[in-house]
Amino acid sequence: MEIKFGADSGAAPAPTQVETTKTQVATPVADVKVESTTTVAAPAGSQMPAQRKFLLGDRLPSFKDCILPRLNIVQSIGNLKDSFLPGEIVFNQATILFTPPQIDPKTGNATRKGTAMITSYVVGIISDRFSEVVKGGFGGLIVDTEEEVRNNGGTLDYKEFELKEKDGMKRFQPITDLLMLVERPETVKDDDIVFNFTIEGKKYALGAWALKGSAYTAVMKRVFNYHRLAGILKGGFPTYGFAIATHLEKFRNGNSAWVPTAVPIGKTSEPVLKFIYEIAGTPA
């Protein structure tokens, strides 16, 4: 709405005039846009600005305008280890979605039973960026393009990094933010707060999952991207469901980390797919 005030002439205030000059309604309903212009004469002697604009109605924000709850894998370092077990998948730093079994390295027997794998669906990709590799895995720059990687003295090529690390070159790696739809595990209380979407009698939650480093390789490259190229996901990432868990992986340099595992579990049901398309704004 736009409000215009007349000039201060010192004369007696003129009668108030209200005129609606433009009204436009666009479809579909989710994208309704209403514009109106109203002219109002100001009282004599007022110091009100010549024009003042107001935004009325509704606006659908983008994902960049939202702070989404996140899925995190608890490692042996970082703050989450103080509240959760290493290897657990935690939602919004509060709700445990998955706990891995504890295995006795000497006998190979489980000393703690793990929970069932998480049933999940990839709604879509929120962003593809590049993250600086730092010791401990926390902190570092995050940039949007390969050009920005170069401008910040970095490279995506590990061999180049090895040659120029002594000269101060930084190493970057891809980081993909996924929007995930997660089904409520049996071990999580149904309180309509965390899992607040109901589809076919089951409860779901929406959250972001950042994949980088070993997680990016294990899930994005080996599973999601592979199945997309192989044709299993020819209808797109949301068309198949995946079971998610974690396992402890040891690397050549002697380090180890909890890495996610994703296993395709079958085609997404029509009601779940319809919900995903509505959230993503994609036509079914």
C-alpha atoms as a PDB file:
ATOM      1  CA  MET A   1       0.000   0.000   0.000  1.00  0.00           C
ATOM      2  CA  GLU A   2       1.362   3.425  -0.873  1.00  0.00           C
ATOM      3  CA  ILE A   3       0.195   6.480   1.052  1.00  0.00           C
ATOM      4  CA  LYS A   4       0.702  10.014  -0.392  1.00  0.00           C
ATOM      5  CA  PHE A   5       0.318  13.171   1.605  1.00  0.00           C
ATOM      6  CA  GLY A   6      -0.443  16.594   0.087  1.00  0.00           C
ATOM      7  CA  ALA A   7       1.874  19.601   0.536  1.00  0.00           C
ATOM      8  CA  ASP A   8       1.459  21.848   3.577  1.00  0.00           C
ATOM      9  CA  SER A   9      -0.164  25.012   2.178  1.00  0.00           C
ATOM     10  CA  GLY A  10      -1.261  26.471   5.474  1.00  0.00           C
ATOM     11  CA  ALA A  11      -4.845  26.388   4.321  1.00  0.00           C
ATOM     12  CA  ALA A  12      -7.662  24.511   5.958  1.00  0.00           C
ATOM     13  CA  PRO A  13      -7.385  20.773   5.476  1.00  0.00           C
ATOM     14  CA  ALA A  14      -9.034  19.506   2.340  1.00  0.00           C
ATOM     15  CA  PRO A  15     -11.555  16.678   2.525  1.00  0.00           C
ATOM     16  CA  THR A  16      -9.900  13.298   2.752  1.00  0.00           C
ATOM     17  CA  GLN A  17      -9.845  11.457  -0.562  1.00  0.00           C
ATOM     18  CA  VAL A  18      -9.268   7.739  -0.852  1.00  0.00           C
ATOM     19  CA  GLU A  19      -8.555   6.293  -4.261  1.00  0.00           C
ATOM     20  CA  THR A  20      -7.605   2.719  -5.081  1.00  0.00           C
ATOM     21  CA  THR A  21      -5.698   2.852  -8.327  1.00  0.00           C
ATOM     22  CA  LYS A  22      -4.496  -0.726  -8.867  1.00  0.00           C
ATOM     23  CA  THR A  23      -5.416  -4.161  -7.661  1.00  0.00           C
ATOM     24  CA  GLN A  24      -3.843  -7.271  -9.183  1.00  0.00           C
ATOM     25  CA  VAL A  25      -4.295 -10.870  -8.130  1.00  0.00           C
ATOM     26  CA  ALA A  26      -2.017 -13.513  -9.666  1.00  0.00           C
ATOM     27  CA  THR A  27      -2.431 -17.264  -9.579  1.00  0.00           C
ATOM     28  CA  PRO A  28      -1.782 -19.854  -8.256  1.00  0.00           C
ATOM     29  CA  VAL A  29      -2.988 -19.161  -4.715  1.00  0.00           C
ATOM     30  CA  ALA A  30       0.523 -19.730  -3.245  1.00  0.00           C
ATOM     31  CA  ASP A  31       1.804 -16.838  -5.349  1.00  0.00           C
ATOM     32  CA  VAL A  32      -1.023 -14.366  -4.744  1.00  0.00           C
ATOM     33  CA  LYS A  33       0.201 -10.806  -5.156  1.00  0.00           C
ATOM     34  CA  VAL A  34      -1.980  -7.865  -4.190  1.00  0.00           C
ATOM     35  CA  GLU A  35      -0.944  -4.306  -4.906  1.00  0.00           C
ATOM     36  CA  SER A  36      -2.918  -1.191  -4.032  1.00  0.00           C
ATOM     37  CA  THR A  37      -2.247   2.555  -4.055  1.00  0.00           C
ATOM     38  CA  THR A  38      -4.152   4.848  -1.727  1.00  0.00           C
ATOM     39  CA  THR A  39      -3.988   8.675  -1.741  1.00  0.00           C
ATOM     40  CA  VAL A  40      -4.819  10.471   1.497  1.00  0.00           C
ATOM     41  CA  ALA A  41      -4.606  14.207   2.131  1.00  0.00           C
ATOM     42  CA  ALA A  42      -2.513  15.039   5.218  1.00  0.00           C
ATOM     43  CA  PRO A  43      -3.644  17.393   7.951  1.00  0.00           C
ATOM     44  CA  ALA A  44      -2.381  20.973   7.625  1.00  0.00           C
ATOM     45  CA  GLY A  45       1.003  21.581   9.210  1.00  0.00           C
ATOM     46  CA  SER A  46       1.976  17.919   9.253  1.00  0.00           C
ATOM     47  CA  GLN A  47       5.585  16.936   8.670  1.00  0.00           C
ATOM     48  CA  MET A  48       4.781  13.468   7.326  1.00  0.00           C
ATOM     49  CA  PRO A  49       6.960  12.159   4.481  1.00  0.00           C
ATOM     50  CA  ALA A  50       5.699  12.506   0.914  1.00  0.00           C
ATOM     51  CA  GLN A  51       5.436   8.721   0.418  1.00  0.00           C
ATOM     52  CA  ARG A  52       5.328   5.744   2.746  1.00  0.00           C
ATOM     53  CA  LYS A  53       5.145   2.137   1.509  1.00  0.00           C
ATOM     54  CA  PHE A  54       3.696  -0.844   3.327  1.00  0.00           C
ATOM     55  CA  LEU A  55       3.888  -4.535   2.415  1.00  0.00           C
ATOM     56  CA  LEU A  56       0.519  -6.180   2.883  1.00  0.00           C
ATOM     57  CA  GLY A  57      -0.563  -9.779   2.550  1.00  0.00           C
ATOM     58  CA  ASP A  58       1.646 -12.841   2.487  1.00  0.00           C
ATOM     59  CA  ARG A  59       5.105 -13.668   1.111  1.00  0.00           C
ATOM     60  CA  LEU A  60       6.602 -17.137   0.661  1.00  0.00           C
ATOM     61  CA  PRO A  61      10.225 -16.992   1.896  1.00  0.00           C
ATOM     62  CA  SER A  62      13.092 -18.803   0.228  1.00  0.00           C
ATOM     63  CA  PHE A  63      15.185 -21.394   2.051  1.00  0.00           C
ATOM     64  CA  LYS A  64      17.944 -18.771   2.411  1.00  0.00           C
ATOM     65  CA  ASP A  65      15.533 -16.758   4.570  1.00  0.00           C
ATOM     66  CA  CYS A  66      14.972 -19.665   6.989  1.00  0.00           C
ATOM     67  CA  ILE A  67      16.995 -21.258   9.759  1.00  0.00           C
ATOM     68  CA  LEU A  68      16.154 -24.931   9.351  1.00  0.00           C
ATOM     69  CA  PRO A  69      16.632 -27.616  12.016  1.00  0.00           C
ATOM     70  CA  ARG A  70      19.621 -29.768  11.061  1.00  0.00           C
ATOM     71  CA  LEU A  71      20.660 -33.384  11.049  1.00  0.00           C
ATOM     72  CA  ASN A  72      24.080 -33.864  12.609  1.00  0.00           C
ATOM     73  CA  ILE A  73      26.297 -36.900  13.079  1.00  0.00           C
ATOM     74  CA  VAL A  74      27.983 -36.851  16.477  1.00  0.00           C
ATOM     75  CA  GLN A  75      31.769 -37.225  16.240  1.00  0.00           C
ATOM     76  CA  SER A  76      34.365 -37.807  18.962  1.00  0.00           C
ATOM     77  CA  ILE A  77      35.167 -34.086  18.805  1.00  0.00           C
ATOM     78  CA  GLY A  78      32.916 -31.052  19.011  1.00  0.00           C
ATOM     79  CA  ASN A  79      30.241 -29.941  21.438  1.00  0.00           C
ATOM     80  CA  LEU A  80      27.660 -32.599  20.579  1.00  0.00           C
ATOM     81  CA  LYS A  81      29.818 -35.368  22.072  1.00  0.00           C
ATOM     82  CA  ASP A  82      29.166 -33.871  25.532  1.00  0.00           C
ATOM     83  CA  SER A  83      25.451 -34.688  25.252  1.00  0.00           C
ATOM     84  CA  PHE A  84      25.254 -37.586  22.798  1.00  0.00           C
ATOM     85  CA  LEU A  85      27.095 -40.769  21.850  1.00  0.00           C
ATOM     86  CA  PRO A  86      29.563 -40.708  18.931  1.00  0.00           C
ATOM     87  CA  GLY A  87      27.898 -42.025  15.800  1.00  0.00           C
ATOM     88  CA  GLU A  88      24.402 -40.924  16.767  1.00  0.00           C
ATOM     89  CA  ILE A  89      22.332 -38.923  14.290  1.00  0.00           C
ATOM     90  CA  VAL A  90      20.737 -36.000  16.082  1.00  0.00           C
ATOM     91  CA  PHE A  91      17.941 -33.702  14.877  1.00  0.00           C
ATOM     92  CA  ASN A  92      18.102 -30.016  15.829  1.00  0.00           C
ATOM     93  CA  GLN A  93      20.793 -30.835  18.442  1.00  0.00           C
ATOM     94  CA  ALA A  94      18.103 -32.316  20.668  1.00  0.00           C
ATOM     95  CA  THR A  95      16.367 -35.422  19.295  1.00  0.00           C
ATOM     96  CA  ILE A  96      18.227 -38.705  18.777  1.00  0.00           C
ATOM     97  CA  LEU A  97      17.169 -40.296  15.484  1.00  0.00           C
ATOM     98  CA  PHE A  98      19.691 -43.124  15.314  1.00  0.00           C
ATOM     99  CA  THR A  99      22.149 -44.825  17.670  1.00  0.00           C
ATOM    100  CA  PRO A 100      24.753 -47.213  16.235  1.00  0.00           C
ATOM    101  CA  PRO A 101      25.512 -50.524  17.921  1.00  0.00           C
ATOM    102  CA  GLN A 102      28.631 -50.702  20.059  1.00  0.00           C
ATOM    103  CA  ILE A 103      30.994 -53.468  18.957  1.00  0.00           C
ATOM    104  CA  ASP A 104      33.697 -55.055  21.084  1.00  0.00           C
ATOM    105  CA  PRO A 105      36.826 -54.824  18.869  1.00  0.00           C
ATOM    106  CA  LYS A 106      38.321 -57.959  20.420  1.00  0.00           C
ATOM    107  CA  THR A 107      35.347 -60.283  20.048  1.00  0.00           C
ATOM    108  CA  GLY A 108      33.344 -58.560  17.317  1.00  0.00           C
ATOM    109  CA  ASN A 109      30.218 -58.909  19.422  1.00  0.00           C
ATOM    110  CA  ALA A 110      27.742 -56.105  20.015  1.00  0.00           C
ATOM    111  CA  THR A 111      27.869 -54.751  23.568  1.00  0.00           C
ATOM    112  CA  ARG A 112      25.095 -52.262  22.839  1.00  0.00           C
ATOM    113  CA  LYS A 113      22.216 -52.797  20.470  1.00  0.00           C
ATOM    114  CA  GLY A 114      21.710 -50.101  17.862  1.00  0.00           C
ATOM    115  CA  THR A 115      18.416 -48.615  16.735  1.00  0.00           C
ATOM    116  CA  ALA A 116      16.730 -49.086  13.367  1.00  0.00           C
ATOM    117  CA  MET A 117      17.945 -47.098  10.365  1.00  0.00           C
ATOM    118  CA  ILE A 118      16.167 -43.805   9.669  1.00  0.00           C
ATOM    119  CA  THR A 119      13.619 -43.702   6.848  1.00  0.00           C
ATOM    120  CA  SER A 120      14.144 -40.496   4.884  1.00  0.00           C
ATOM    121  CA  TYR A 121      13.533 -38.756   1.564  1.00  0.00           C
ATOM    122  CA  VAL A 122      15.531 -36.111  -0.283  1.00  0.00           C
ATOM    123  CA  VAL A 123      13.174 -33.188  -0.904  1.00  0.00           C
ATOM    124  CA  GLY A 124      15.837 -31.331  -2.863  1.00  0.00           C
ATOM    125  CA  ILE A 125      19.170 -29.548  -2.876  1.00  0.00           C
ATOM    126  CA  ILE A 126      19.184 -26.255  -0.980  1.00  0.00           C
ATOM    127  CA  SER A 127      22.671 -25.220  -2.065  1.00  0.00           C
ATOM    128  CA  ASP A 128      25.963 -26.421  -3.529  1.00  0.00           C
ATOM    129  CA  ARG A 129      28.979 -24.616  -2.071  1.00  0.00           C
ATOM    130  CA  PHE A 130      32.626 -25.140  -1.152  1.00  0.00           C
ATOM    131  CA  SER A 131      33.977 -25.489   2.377  1.00  0.00           C
ATOM    132  CA  GLU A 132      37.533 -24.920   3.576  1.00  0.00           C
ATOM    133  CA  VAL A 133      39.129 -28.024   5.068  1.00  0.00           C
ATOM    134  CA  VAL A 134      40.418 -27.272   8.571  1.00  0.00           C
ATOM    135  CA  LYS A 135      41.839 -29.444  11.326  1.00  0.00           C
ATOM    136  CA  GLY A 136      39.091 -30.826  13.541  1.00  0.00           C
ATOM    137  CA  GLY A 137      36.486 -30.241  10.837  1.00  0.00           C
ATOM    138  CA  PHE A 138      34.969 -27.138  12.452  1.00  0.00           C
ATOM    139  CA  GLY A 139      35.166 -23.564  11.159  1.00  0.00           C
ATOM    140  CA  GLY A 140      36.782 -22.373   7.953  1.00  0.00           C
ATOM    141  CA  LEU A 141      35.478 -20.386   4.997  1.00  0.00           C
ATOM    142  CA  ILE A 142      32.409 -21.364   2.991  1.00  0.00           C
ATOM    143  CA  VAL A 143      32.105 -19.866  -0.498  1.00  0.00           C
ATOM    144  CA  ASP A 144      29.643 -20.227  -3.364  1.00  0.00           C
ATOM    145  CA  THR A 145      31.850 -20.639  -6.447  1.00  0.00           C
ATOM    146  CA  GLU A 146      35.157 -22.126  -7.601  1.00  0.00           C
ATOM    147  CA  GLU A 147      36.243 -18.605  -8.500  1.00  0.00           C
ATOM    148  CA  GLU A 148      35.819 -17.593  -4.861  1.00  0.00           C
ATOM    149  CA  VAL A 149      37.888 -20.623  -3.855  1.00  0.00           C
ATOM    150  CA  ARG A 150      40.754 -19.290  -5.997  1.00  0.00           C
ATOM    151  CA  ASN A 151      40.259 -15.719  -4.813  1.00  0.00           C
ATOM    152  CA  ASN A 152      40.661 -16.907  -1.216  1.00  0.00           C
ATOM    153  CA  GLY A 153      43.921 -18.713  -1.982  1.00  0.00           C
ATOM    154  CA  GLY A 154      42.417 -22.171  -2.195  1.00  0.00           C
ATOM    155  CA  THR A 155      42.109 -25.175  -4.470  1.00  0.00           C
ATOM    156  CA  LEU A 156      39.832 -28.188  -4.913  1.00  0.00           C
ATOM    157  CA  ASP A 157      42.718 -30.319  -6.201  1.00  0.00           C
ATOM    158  CA  TYR A 158      44.345 -32.352  -3.413  1.00  0.00           C
ATOM    159  CA  LYS A 159      47.602 -32.848  -5.334  1.00  0.00           C
ATOM    160  CA  GLU A 160      47.919 -29.122  -5.929  1.00  0.00           C
ATOM    161  CA  PHE A 161      47.225 -28.538  -2.236  1.00  0.00           C
ATOM    162  CA  GLU A 162      50.004 -30.966  -1.252  1.00  0.00           C
ATOM    163  CA  LEU A 163      52.490 -29.129  -3.475  1.00  0.00           C
ATOM    164  CA  LYS A 164      51.551 -25.639  -2.301  1.00  0.00           C
ATOM    165  CA  GLU A 165      50.423 -26.171   1.304  1.00  0.00           C
ATOM    166  CA  LYS A 166      53.753 -24.838   2.620  1.00  0.00           C
ATOM    167  CA  ASP A 167      53.137 -21.630   0.654  1.00  0.00           C
ATOM    168  CA  GLY A 168      49.848 -21.121   2.465  1.00  0.00           C
ATOM    169  CA  MET A 169      47.415 -22.621  -0.051  1.00  0.00           C
ATOM    170  CA  LYS A 170      44.059 -23.622   1.423  1.00  0.00           C
ATOM    171  CA  ARG A 171      42.151 -26.740   0.503  1.00  0.00           C
ATOM    172  CA  PHE A 172      38.417 -26.609  -0.212  1.00  0.00           C
ATOM    173  CA  GLN A 173      35.897 -29.376  -0.806  1.00  0.00           C
ATOM    174  CA  PRO A 174      32.278 -29.507  -2.018  1.00  0.00           C
ATOM    175  CA  ILE A 175      29.492 -29.120   0.513  1.00  0.00           C
ATOM    176  CA  THR A 176      25.878 -29.864  -0.403  1.00  0.00           C
ATOM    177  CA  ASP A 177      22.941 -28.843   1.772  1.00  0.00           C
ATOM    178  CA  LEU A 178      19.993 -31.198   1.332  1.00  0.00           C
ATOM    179  CA  LEU A 179      16.439 -30.670   2.518  1.00  0.00           C
ATOM    180  CA  MET A 180      15.345 -33.990   4.024  1.00  0.00           C
ATOM    181  CA  LEU A 181      11.975 -35.390   5.010  1.00  0.00           C
ATOM    182  CA  VAL A 182      12.513 -37.751   7.967  1.00  0.00           C
ATOM    183  CA  GLU A 183      10.022 -40.283   9.277  1.00  0.00           C
ATOM    184  CA  ARG A 184       9.616 -40.449  13.060  1.00  0.00           C
ATOM    185  CA  PRO A 185      11.586 -43.410  14.461  1.00  0.00           C
ATOM    186  CA  GLU A 186       9.791 -45.743  16.864  1.00  0.00           C
ATOM    187  CA  THR A 187      12.209 -44.675  19.605  1.00  0.00           C
ATOM    188  CA  VAL A 188      11.126 -41.010  19.420  1.00  0.00           C
ATOM    189  CA  LYS A 189       8.093 -39.841  21.373  1.00  0.00           C
ATOM    190  CA  ASP A 190       5.162 -38.661  19.262  1.00  0.00           C
ATOM    191  CA  ASP A 191       4.470 -35.197  20.705  1.00  0.00           C
ATOM    192  CA  ASP A 192       3.400 -33.295  17.537  1.00  0.00           C
ATOM    193  CA  ILE A 193       6.262 -30.827  18.104  1.00  0.00           C
ATOM    194  CA  VAL A 194       9.327 -32.251  16.370  1.00  0.00           C
ATOM    195  CA  PHE A 195       7.501 -34.500  13.912  1.00  0.00           C
ATOM    196  CA  ASN A 196       4.551 -32.299  13.014  1.00  0.00           C
ATOM    197  CA  PHE A 197       3.626 -33.447   9.499  1.00  0.00           C
ATOM    198  CA  THR A 198       1.224 -36.385   9.198  1.00  0.00           C
ATOM    199  CA  ILE A 199       1.158 -38.444   5.979  1.00  0.00           C
ATOM    200  CA  GLU A 200      -0.653 -41.779   5.745  1.00  0.00           C
ATOM    201  CA  GLY A 201      -0.824 -41.992   9.537  1.00  0.00           C
ATOM    202  CA  LYS A 202       2.947 -41.513   9.973  1.00  0.00           C
ATOM    203  CA  LYS A 203       4.736 -38.461  11.370  1.00  0.00           C
ATOM    204  CA  TYR A 204       7.509 -36.601   9.565  1.00  0.00           C
ATOM    205  CA  ALA A 205       9.888 -33.688  10.106  1.00  0.00           C
ATOM    206  CA  LEU A 206      11.756 -31.445   7.671  1.00  0.00           C
ATOM    207  CA  GLY A 207      15.419 -30.643   8.215  1.00  0.00           C
ATOM    208  CA  ALA A 208      18.632 -29.670   6.457  1.00  0.00           C
ATOM    209  CA  TRP A 209      21.593 -32.017   6.130  1.00  0.00           C
ATOM    210  CA  ALA A 210      25.027 -30.680   5.161  1.00  0.00           C
ATOM    211  CA  LEU A 211      27.211 -33.245   3.407  1.00  0.00           C
ATOM    212  CA  LYS A 212      30.925 -32.597   3.118  1.00  0.00           C
ATOM    213  CA  GLY A 213      34.177 -34.523   3.327  1.00  0.00           C
ATOM    214  CA  SER A 214      33.744 -38.253   3.942  1.00  0.00           C
ATOM    215  CA  ALA A 215      29.956 -37.799   4.312  1.00  0.00           C
ATOM    216  CA  TYR A 216      29.778 -36.133   0.884  1.00  0.00           C
ATOM    217  CA  THR A 217      31.756 -38.997  -0.668  1.00  0.00           C
ATOM    218  CA  ALA A 218      29.799 -41.749   1.108  1.00  0.00           C
ATOM    219  CA  VAL A 219      26.286 -40.436   0.523  1.00  0.00           C
ATOM    220  CA  MET A 220      26.228 -37.764  -2.185  1.00  0.00           C
ATOM    221  CA  LYS A 221      28.717 -39.345  -4.591  1.00  0.00           C
ATOM    222  CA  ARG A 222      28.352 -43.074  -3.907  1.00  0.00           C
ATOM    223  CA  VAL A 223      24.587 -43.168  -3.410  1.00  0.00           C
ATOM    224  CA  PHE A 224      22.469 -40.178  -4.430  1.00  0.00           C
ATOM    225  CA  ASN A 225      24.483 -39.034  -7.468  1.00  0.00           C
ATOM    226  CA  TYR A 226      25.250 -42.599  -8.543  1.00  0.00           C
ATOM    227  CA  HIS A 227      21.609 -43.692  -8.414  1.00  0.00           C
ATOM    228  CA  ARG A 228      20.562 -40.498 -10.200  1.00  0.00           C
ATOM    229  CA  LEU A 229      22.953 -41.173 -13.095  1.00  0.00           C
ATOM    230  CA  ALA A 230      22.206 -44.904 -13.163  1.00  0.00           C
ATOM    231  CA  GLY A 231      18.517 -44.204 -13.763  1.00  0.00           C
ATOM    232  CA  ILE A 232      17.138 -45.536 -10.496  1.00  0.00           C
ATOM    233  CA  LEU A 233      16.236 -41.958  -9.584  1.00  0.00           C
ATOM    234  CA  LYS A 234      15.282 -40.975 -13.119  1.00  0.00           C
ATOM    235  CA  GLY A 235      12.232 -39.169 -11.739  1.00  0.00           C
ATOM    236  CA  GLY A 236      14.419 -37.118  -9.370  1.00  0.00           C
ATOM    237  CA  PHE A 237      15.859 -37.509  -5.870  1.00  0.00           C
ATOM    238  CA  PRO A 238      12.454 -37.499  -4.092  1.00  0.00           C
ATOM    239  CA  THR A 239      11.157 -40.538  -5.994  1.00  0.00           C
ATOM    240  CA  TYR A 240      12.979 -43.073  -3.783  1.00  0.00           C
ATOM    241  CA  GLY A 241      13.230 -43.449  -0.045  1.00  0.00           C
ATOM    242  CA  PHE A 242      16.541 -44.104   1.731  1.00  0.00           C
ATOM    243  CA  ALA A 243      17.445 -45.725   5.033  1.00  0.00           C
ATOM    244  CA  ILE A 244      20.158 -43.742   6.846  1.00  0.00           C
ATOM    245  CA  ALA A 245      22.602 -45.007   9.495  1.00  0.00           C
ATOM    246  CA  THR A 246      26.269 -44.464  10.457  1.00  0.00           C
ATOM    247  CA  HIS A 247      29.416 -46.534  10.793  1.00  0.00           C
ATOM    248  CA  LEU A 248      32.925 -45.845  12.044  1.00  0.00           C
ATOM    249  CA  GLU A 249      35.364 -45.577   9.141  1.00  0.00           C
ATOM    250  CA  LYS A 250      39.147 -45.600   9.450  1.00  0.00           C
ATOM    251  CA  PHE A 251      41.269 -43.699   6.926  1.00  0.00           C
ATOM    252  CA  ARG A 252      44.755 -44.271   5.545  1.00  0.00           C
ATOM    253  CA  ASN A 253      46.238 -41.477   7.626  1.00  0.00           C
ATOM    254  CA  GLY A 254      45.199 -43.278  10.825  1.00  0.00           C
ATOM    255  CA  ASN A 255      42.253 -40.994  11.592  1.00  0.00           C
ATOM    256  CA  SER A 256      38.686 -42.216  11.876  1.00  0.00           C
ATOM    257  CA  ALA A 257      35.233 -40.661  11.705  1.00  0.00           C
ATOM    258  CA  TRP A 258      31.580 -41.624  11.845  1.00  0.00           C
ATOM    259  CA  VAL A 259      30.326 -41.714   8.267  1.00  0.00           C
ATOM    260  CA  PRO A 260      26.716 -41.970   7.062  1.00  0.00           C
ATOM    261  CA  THR A 261      25.315 -44.904   5.136  1.00  0.00           C
ATOM    262  CA  ALA A 262      22.364 -44.526   2.748  1.00  0.00           C
ATOM    263  CA  VAL A 263      20.492 -47.523   1.333  1.00  0.00           C
ATOM    264  CA  PRO A 264      17.585 -47.209  -1.158  1.00  0.00           C
ATOM    265  CA  ILE A 265      14.440 -48.795   0.288  1.00  0.00           C
ATOM    266  CA  GLY A 266      11.900 -48.450  -2.516  1.00  0.00           C
ATOM    267  CA  LYS A 267       9.801 -45.995  -4.449  1.00  0.00           C
ATOM    268  CA  THR A 268       8.241 -43.094  -2.595  1.00  0.00           C
ATOM    269  CA  SER A 269       4.497 -43.491  -2.023  1.00  0.00           C
ATOM    270  CA  GLU A 270       2.182 -41.118  -3.882  1.00  0.00           C
ATOM    271  CA  PRO A 271       0.982 -39.262  -0.729  1.00  0.00           C
ATOM    272  CA  VAL A 272       4.571 -38.654   0.451  1.00  0.00           C
ATOM    273  CA  LEU A 273       5.655 -37.598  -3.036  1.00  0.00           C
ATOM    274  CA  LYS A 274       2.725 -35.196  -3.297  1.00  0.00           C
ATOM    275  CA  PHE A 275       3.715 -33.621   0.037  1.00  0.00           C
ATOM    276  CA  ILE A 276       7.334 -33.260  -1.140  1.00  0.00           C
ATOM    277  CA  TYR A 277       6.262 -31.591  -4.378  1.00  0.00           C
ATOM    278  CA  GLU A 278       4.074 -29.148  -2.450  1.00  0.00           C
ATOM    279  CA  ILE A 279       6.967 -28.232  -0.150  1.00  0.00           C
ATOM    280  CA  ALA A 280       9.454 -27.930  -3.017  1.00  0.00           C
ATOM    281  CA  GLY A 281       7.030 -26.032  -5.232  1.00  0.00           C
ATOM    282  CA  THR A 282       7.480 -28.608  -8.006  1.00  0.00           C
ATOM    283  CA  PRO A 283       4.530 -29.719 -10.144  1.00  0.00           C
ATOM    284  CA  ALA A 284       3.590 -33.359  -9.608  1.00  0.00           C
END
